Structures are given as C-alpha cells and as structure tokens.
Amino acid sequence: MNKQKEKKNKLDRRHKKIRMKIVGISSRPRLNVFRSNKGMYLQLIDDSTGKTLVSVNSKEVKDTGKLKKVEKSFEMGKILGERALKANIKEAVFDRGGYKYHGRVKAVAEGAREAGLKF
C-alpha cells in the first residue's frame, strides 16, 4: 500500500474513534481542528443543528513574517476564544481531528483557554 494512503487511513481511523465519543451541542459546541501544510482551520460546531457557530482560519492572523506555525496557531486559538465569548459560548468540547495533541494542535487549545474558553 502507498505510504500516503496508509497515513491517511490511520488518521481517518483515529478521527472516527474520537468522533464516536465527542458530540457538540449548542450550549457546549465542538471545537474542530483541521490542519494542512499551508494553513489551519478552526470551527465551533453545533452537531445537533449541523451549523458552524464561530470559525477562524490562519489567513486571518496578522503575520509579520516572523511568526512560526505554532505561534500562529496560538494566536488563532486566542481569536477563536474571543469570538466564542462574544457569541456567549463559554464551554466547548475539543476535537483534535485525529491529530496528536502536540505542536500546533496543543497551541490552539492553550490559546483558546487563555482567551477564556473552557474545555
């Protein structure tokens, strides 16, 4: 099997395991993380209605050219936390999307916590 396909299959399997346990409701939406090589996308999703309540992408962060990916992710988490508080969302369930909880994913969680969002 192709290495890229195998890697994608493992990621999908991990993500499905996580999603079986995590459900976002309107009072406590799911904070979804999608990571790619070029950018990162965060969403607060209400699974009962299937709607995105708040979202942020890496293009919205002001980059002076000196920010590393982890630092940029931390800022994205802070922005998402601030927008969530404006939308009267104080708690969320963290969905890491099958990714390991380190690096950019961990920085997002820390940034959101610093902005006042609880997991």
C-alpha atoms as a PDB file:
ATOM      1  CA  MET A   1       0.000   0.000   0.000  1.00  0.00           C
ATOM      2  CA  ASN A   2       1.113   3.529  -0.701  1.00  0.00           C
ATOM      3  CA  LYS A   3       2.597   5.274   2.371  1.00  0.00           C
ATOM      4  CA  GLN A   4       0.437   8.371   1.917  1.00  0.00           C
ATOM      5  CA  LYS A   5      -2.744   6.300   1.687  1.00  0.00           C
ATOM      6  CA  GLU A   6      -1.754   4.337   4.767  1.00  0.00           C
ATOM      7  CA  LYS A   7      -1.069   7.527   6.706  1.00  0.00           C
ATOM      8  CA  LYS A   8      -4.442   8.983   5.645  1.00  0.00           C
ATOM      9  CA  ASN A   9      -6.233   5.754   6.620  1.00  0.00           C
ATOM     10  CA  LYS A  10      -4.668   5.832  10.088  1.00  0.00           C
ATOM     11  CA  LEU A  11      -5.678   9.485  10.537  1.00  0.00           C
ATOM     12  CA  ASP A  12      -9.260   8.706   9.464  1.00  0.00           C
ATOM     13  CA  ARG A  13      -9.430   5.748  11.844  1.00  0.00           C
ATOM     14  CA  ARG A  14      -8.232   7.877  14.786  1.00  0.00           C
ATOM     15  CA  HIS A  15     -10.662  10.650  13.884  1.00  0.00           C
ATOM     16  CA  LYS A  16     -13.632   8.244  13.751  1.00  0.00           C
ATOM     17  CA  LYS A  17     -12.716   6.852  17.179  1.00  0.00           C
ATOM     18  CA  ILE A  18     -12.621  10.344  18.633  1.00  0.00           C
ATOM     19  CA  ARG A  19     -15.889  11.400  16.964  1.00  0.00           C
ATOM     20  CA  MET A  20     -17.739   8.391  18.416  1.00  0.00           C
ATOM     21  CA  LYS A  21     -17.134   9.846  21.876  1.00  0.00           C
ATOM     22  CA  ILE A  22     -17.435  13.592  21.191  1.00  0.00           C
ATOM     23  CA  VAL A  23     -20.669  15.417  20.350  1.00  0.00           C
ATOM     24  CA  GLY A  24     -21.148  19.176  20.281  1.00  0.00           C
ATOM     25  CA  ILE A  25     -24.417  20.732  21.418  1.00  0.00           C
ATOM     26  CA  SER A  26     -25.492  24.371  21.348  1.00  0.00           C
ATOM     27  CA  SER A  27     -24.516  25.002  24.981  1.00  0.00           C
ATOM     28  CA  ARG A  28     -21.180  23.191  24.536  1.00  0.00           C
ATOM     29  CA  PRO A  29     -20.157  23.071  20.844  1.00  0.00           C
ATOM     30  CA  ARG A  30     -17.350  21.022  19.358  1.00  0.00           C
ATOM     31  CA  LEU A  31     -14.085  22.851  18.615  1.00  0.00           C
ATOM     32  CA  ASN A  32     -12.923  21.184  15.406  1.00  0.00           C
ATOM     33  CA  VAL A  33      -9.300  21.463  14.229  1.00  0.00           C
ATOM     34  CA  PHE A  34      -8.228  20.901  10.623  1.00  0.00           C
ATOM     35  CA  ARG A  35      -4.541  21.173   9.886  1.00  0.00           C
ATOM     36  CA  SER A  36      -2.895  21.265   6.481  1.00  0.00           C
ATOM     37  CA  ASN A  37       0.609  22.080   5.307  1.00  0.00           C
ATOM     38  CA  LYS A  38      -0.352  25.592   4.225  1.00  0.00           C
ATOM     39  CA  GLY A  39      -2.865  26.584   6.873  1.00  0.00           C
ATOM     40  CA  MET A  40      -5.137  25.695   9.725  1.00  0.00           C
ATOM     41  CA  TYR A  41      -8.880  25.993  10.210  1.00  0.00           C
ATOM     42  CA  LEU A  42     -10.832  26.059  13.479  1.00  0.00           C
ATOM     43  CA  GLN A  43     -14.593  25.833  13.902  1.00  0.00           C
ATOM     44  CA  LEU A  44     -17.051  25.712  16.761  1.00  0.00           C
ATOM     45  CA  ILE A  45     -19.795  23.371  15.533  1.00  0.00           C
ATOM     46  CA  ASP A  46     -23.247  22.614  16.940  1.00  0.00           C
ATOM     47  CA  ASP A  47     -23.793  18.981  15.873  1.00  0.00           C
ATOM     48  CA  SER A  48     -27.491  18.952  16.774  1.00  0.00           C
ATOM     49  CA  THR A  49     -28.274  21.524  14.054  1.00  0.00           C
ATOM     50  CA  GLY A  50     -25.182  20.936  11.910  1.00  0.00           C
ATOM     51  CA  LYS A  51     -24.182  24.604  11.907  1.00  0.00           C
ATOM     52  CA  THR A  52     -20.877  26.346  12.394  1.00  0.00           C
ATOM     53  CA  LEU A  53     -21.165  28.956  15.133  1.00  0.00           C
ATOM     54  CA  VAL A  54     -17.685  30.520  15.018  1.00  0.00           C
ATOM     55  CA  SER A  55     -14.740  29.935  12.691  1.00  0.00           C
ATOM     56  CA  VAL A  56     -11.159  31.109  12.194  1.00  0.00           C
ATOM     57  CA  ASN A  57      -8.544  30.334   9.569  1.00  0.00           C
ATOM     58  CA  SER A  58      -4.838  31.000   9.503  1.00  0.00           C
ATOM     59  CA  LYS A  59      -5.174  33.744   6.884  1.00  0.00           C
ATOM     60  CA  GLU A  60      -6.994  35.944   9.422  1.00  0.00           C
ATOM     61  CA  VAL A  61      -3.962  36.135  11.717  1.00  0.00           C
ATOM     62  CA  LYS A  62      -1.746  39.117  11.030  1.00  0.00           C
ATOM     63  CA  ASP A  63       1.610  37.673  10.108  1.00  0.00           C
ATOM     64  CA  THR A  64       4.681  39.874  10.108  1.00  0.00           C
ATOM     65  CA  GLY A  65       6.668  37.068   8.522  1.00  0.00           C
ATOM     66  CA  LYS A  66       8.347  36.179  11.792  1.00  0.00           C
ATOM     67  CA  LEU A  67       5.627  34.003  13.328  1.00  0.00           C
ATOM     68  CA  LYS A  68       6.209  30.275  13.286  1.00  0.00           C
ATOM     69  CA  LYS A  69       3.334  27.855  12.698  1.00  0.00           C
ATOM     70  CA  VAL A  70       2.967  27.049  16.410  1.00  0.00           C
ATOM     71  CA  GLU A  71       2.889  30.733  17.381  1.00  0.00           C
ATOM     72  CA  LYS A  72       0.354  31.442  14.650  1.00  0.00           C
ATOM     73  CA  SER A  73      -1.811  28.579  15.926  1.00  0.00           C
ATOM     74  CA  PHE A  74      -1.700  30.010  19.450  1.00  0.00           C
ATOM     75  CA  GLU A  75      -2.944  33.363  18.117  1.00  0.00           C
ATOM     76  CA  MET A  76      -5.702  31.587  16.197  1.00  0.00           C
ATOM     77  CA  GLY A  77      -6.833  29.905  19.421  1.00  0.00           C
ATOM     78  CA  LYS A  78      -6.961  33.281  21.160  1.00  0.00           C
ATOM     79  CA  ILE A  79      -9.003  34.799  18.325  1.00  0.00           C
ATOM     80  CA  LEU A  80     -11.420  31.863  18.367  1.00  0.00           C
ATOM     81  CA  GLY A  81     -11.805  32.129  22.147  1.00  0.00           C
ATOM     82  CA  GLU A  82     -12.559  35.842  21.943  1.00  0.00           C
ATOM     83  CA  ARG A  83     -15.137  35.329  19.175  1.00  0.00           C
ATOM     84  CA  ALA A  84     -16.736  32.490  21.140  1.00  0.00           C
ATOM     85  CA  LEU A  85     -17.100  34.688  24.210  1.00  0.00           C
ATOM     86  CA  LYS A  86     -18.747  37.388  22.061  1.00  0.00           C
ATOM     87  CA  ALA A  87     -21.204  34.722  20.859  1.00  0.00           C
ATOM     88  CA  ASN A  88     -21.929  33.772  24.522  1.00  0.00           C
ATOM     89  CA  ILE A  89     -20.111  30.421  24.268  1.00  0.00           C
ATOM     90  CA  LYS A  90     -18.092  29.737  27.403  1.00  0.00           C
ATOM     91  CA  GLU A  91     -17.510  25.975  27.142  1.00  0.00           C
ATOM     92  CA  ALA A  92     -16.554  23.672  24.281  1.00  0.00           C
ATOM     93  CA  VAL A  93     -15.532  20.096  23.573  1.00  0.00           C
ATOM     94  CA  PHE A  94     -12.098  19.815  21.953  1.00  0.00           C
ATOM     95  CA  ASP A  95     -11.990  17.685  18.789  1.00  0.00           C
ATOM     96  CA  ARG A  96      -8.375  17.309  17.721  1.00  0.00           C
ATOM     97  CA  GLY A  97      -9.420  15.661  14.462  1.00  0.00           C
ATOM     98  CA  GLY A  98      -7.236  12.579  14.770  1.00  0.00           C
ATOM     99  CA  TYR A  99      -4.054  14.622  15.131  1.00  0.00           C
ATOM    100  CA  LYS A 100      -1.722  14.100  18.072  1.00  0.00           C
ATOM    101  CA  TYR A 101      -2.121  16.580  20.915  1.00  0.00           C
ATOM    102  CA  HIS A 102       1.182  18.414  20.489  1.00  0.00           C
ATOM    103  CA  GLY A 103       2.616  21.228  18.425  1.00  0.00           C
ATOM    104  CA  ARG A 104       0.027  23.288  16.548  1.00  0.00           C
ATOM    105  CA  VAL A 105      -2.993  21.424  17.951  1.00  0.00           C
ATOM    106  CA  LYS A 106      -1.817  21.919  21.530  1.00  0.00           C
ATOM    107  CA  ALA A 107      -1.080  25.601  20.838  1.00  0.00           C
ATOM    108  CA  VAL A 108      -4.667  26.110  19.615  1.00  0.00           C
ATOM    109  CA  ALA A 109      -6.051  24.620  22.829  1.00  0.00           C
ATOM    110  CA  GLU A 110      -3.762  26.731  25.011  1.00  0.00           C
ATOM    111  CA  GLY A 111      -4.653  29.912  23.118  1.00  0.00           C
ATOM    112  CA  ALA A 112      -8.389  29.256  23.429  1.00  0.00           C
ATOM    113  CA  ARG A 113      -8.008  28.551  27.151  1.00  0.00           C
ATOM    114  CA  GLU A 114      -6.068  31.773  27.623  1.00  0.00           C
ATOM    115  CA  ALA A 115      -8.896  33.712  25.924  1.00  0.00           C
ATOM    116  CA  GLY A 116     -11.370  32.248  28.446  1.00  0.00           C
ATOM    117  CA  LEU A 117     -12.856  29.219  26.678  1.00  0.00           C
ATOM    118  CA  LYS A 118     -13.216  26.104  28.877  1.00  0.00           C
ATOM    119  CA  PHE A 119     -12.844  22.505  27.704  1.00  0.00           C
END
